[in-house]
Amino acid sequence: MVSRWSMECRLLSAQPAPGFLRRHGLLLALTLIIVIHAVDRLAIVILLEDIKRDLLLSDAQLGLLSGFAFVALYVVAGIPMAFVSDRSNRSRTIGVALTAMGGMTMLCGMAQNFLQLVAARCGLGISASPCVPAAHSIIADVYPPAQRTTALSITESGFFVGSFVGLWVCGWIATDYGWRIAFFAIGMLPLLLGLSVLAWMRDPVRALRDNKVQLGFRDTMRTIVGVRAVRWYVAGSAFAVFASAGMMTWLPALMIRSYGMTRTEAGGLIGAINGVGGLILTIAVGVVADRLARREARWNLWIPALLFAASAPFAAFAFLSHSPAVLIGCFAVAACMITACSAPIISYSQQITPPNVHAMVTASIFLVFNLAGFGLAPLAVGALSDYLARTGQPEHSLQQALLYLTAPSLVIAALLVFIGGRFEAETSPPPQRAEP
């Protein structure tokens, strides 16, 4: 297995790359796609308190709505959609997905009860599922391994820009016009971008397309899960995503409910933290990981393990304190550290698997991340908050639930990812040199 993957990586480096302008133009377009993807996915977070009051929902229902209702269909559809993306026109797939996302987001604004809103969120999950795997597959084809982590970190930084736009703009629109109008407004963004992608974006040539026999679904999955390092660091990263998703989903509600902030203030603060801090740290981690991995490939695992471990005390301090300044400051450090780790993890996964399963690799990893993180975490925090409200102090139940579920998860994440580094030498390709 090692020699086969190593040979493929050498062949990939030898393939003619797209020109400078086309390569970076694609990177810019894919980053914009991730921005809009994040806007539509995360906008509901700042609207939860309005939806709760209007539709008379519990915290557990809000957790189901913001997490599992979206993620369940997102991950179920993600694997077959990625399987198709590995064998079809990825740009066209992204364009259709974005257009459908716009329609489903607008339907969220038309929902009159909990079940209708759940159905619209499920539809949004299906629509959004092909975007990220297809985008990562394109990047793996147009950037060599020695530059891939940096390229992926730039596209992943779109998540932070999107969270800023989604939280701040949606908070502002909801304050002045209501949560339904906010859904209609942000639904226009993927609709217009999707039509533009269908009209102008062209799919790049796949690496090694002529040299590879397409694998069946079962062989593809066996190829992915057959690498021991992947199993360990994906499991560890899932715990980190659980902590991050719990904080990201419920912190705006906590700030509004316990500290008297407005939607605009809460959305602006959290959006600025993610948009500025996350953007800078994600790109910096990608650049550093690319440089260190040329000498020792295990840095692609050591860096996430170190950041997960370092973020745990900040998560604990955030929810032990009753000061809004400490809460926001510690959350900023912890959240940015966690989410900055995605680029090294995805880049390493792309390096140790053959090019014709790259979209499936991303989809498989995101399946685990989304089920454990954005699917389970909001529901778990909401359910625990409801339980603590019935048995303890209702005014502090949400903050206590976040404390109990986030910091321990980050410690477990660091340990599992570090263990995954023990198997790295058995599976990784030789370090690649950067292009001059």
Foldseek 3Di string as FASTA:
>chain_A
DQVVLQVQLVLLVVDDFDDPVVLVVLLVLLLVLLLLLLLLLQLCLLVLVVCCVQQVDALLLSLQLSFALQLVLLLVLQQVLLLVLLPDWLLLLSLQLLQQLLVLLLQCLVDDHSVSNSVSSSSNSNSSNSSVLNSLLQLPNRFRLLCSLLSLLQSLLSSLLSLLCSQQVQLVCCVPPRNSVSSNVSSVVSNVSSVVSNVDPGRDDFRCPVVDDFDDSVVLVCQQVVQLLLVLLLVLLLLQLQLLQLCSRCVSVLCCQQVVDGSNVSSNLSSCLSNPLLSVLLSVLSVVLSVVCLVPVLSLLLQLLVLLLVLLVLLLQLLVDPDPVSVSVSSSSNNSSSSSSPSSSLSQSSSLGRSSCSSSNVSVSVSSNSCSHRHPNSSQLSVQLVVCVVVHPNSSSSSVSSNVRRSVSSNSSSVSSVVSSVSCVVGGHNRDDDDD
